[in-house]
């Protein structure tokens, strides 16, 4: 799950940057940022859960 979270986070942020650079619509950029935020949340939750064990 950590790897999935990291990949989603990096992919979402890279997609948002590319969307801004190519002039994509606001909704497309926000969707990419949302994927990045969800990936970051997943990675942080995995690390916190692993620390509690």
Protein backbone atom coordinates (compact mmCIF):
# COMPACT_ATOMS: atom_id res chain seq x y z
CA UNK A 1 0.00 0.00 0.00
CA UNK A 2 2.91 2.33 0.64
CA UNK A 3 4.16 1.93 -2.92
CA UNK A 4 0.68 2.51 -4.32
CA UNK A 5 0.34 5.67 -2.24
CA UNK A 6 3.71 7.00 -3.35
CA UNK A 7 3.01 6.26 -7.02
CA UNK A 8 -0.42 7.89 -6.83
CA UNK A 9 1.02 10.92 -5.08
CA UNK A 10 3.82 11.42 -7.59
CA UNK A 11 1.55 10.70 -10.54
CA UNK A 12 -1.12 13.10 -9.33
CA UNK A 13 1.32 15.92 -8.74
CA UNK A 14 3.06 15.34 -12.07
CA UNK A 15 -0.29 15.21 -13.84
CA UNK A 16 -1.35 18.48 -12.25
CA UNK A 17 1.88 20.19 -13.28
CA UNK A 18 1.54 18.87 -16.83
CA UNK A 19 -2.09 19.97 -16.92
CA UNK A 20 -1.16 23.49 -15.89
CA UNK A 21 1.68 23.59 -18.43
CA UNK A 22 -0.54 22.42 -21.31
CA UNK A 23 -3.48 24.63 -20.41
CA UNK A 24 -5.91 21.94 -19.26
CA UNK A 25 -9.20 22.88 -17.67
CA UNK A 26 -9.45 23.59 -13.98
CA UNK A 27 -11.40 20.41 -13.33
CA UNK A 28 -8.73 18.24 -14.95
CA UNK A 29 -6.00 19.86 -12.87
CA UNK A 30 -8.07 19.50 -9.69
CA UNK A 31 -8.74 15.84 -10.47
CA UNK A 32 -5.02 15.18 -10.82
CA UNK A 33 -4.32 17.05 -7.59
CA UNK A 34 -7.06 15.03 -5.87
CA UNK A 35 -5.38 11.79 -6.92
CA UNK A 36 -2.10 13.11 -5.54
CA UNK A 37 -3.68 14.07 -2.22
CA UNK A 38 -5.38 10.68 -1.89
CA UNK A 39 -2.09 8.93 -2.62
CA UNK A 40 -0.29 11.03 -0.05
CA UNK A 41 -3.00 10.26 2.51
CA UNK A 42 -2.68 6.54 1.77
CA UNK A 43 1.09 6.62 2.19
CA UNK A 44 0.90 8.59 5.45
CA UNK A 45 -1.77 6.27 6.83
CA UNK A 46 0.41 3.26 6.04
CA UNK A 47 3.43 4.78 7.80
CA UNK A 48 1.39 5.76 10.86
CA UNK A 49 -0.18 2.30 11.07
CA UNK A 50 3.21 0.64 10.66
CA UNK A 51 4.60 2.86 13.45
CA UNK A 52 1.83 1.80 15.83
CA UNK A 53 2.57 -1.89 15.34
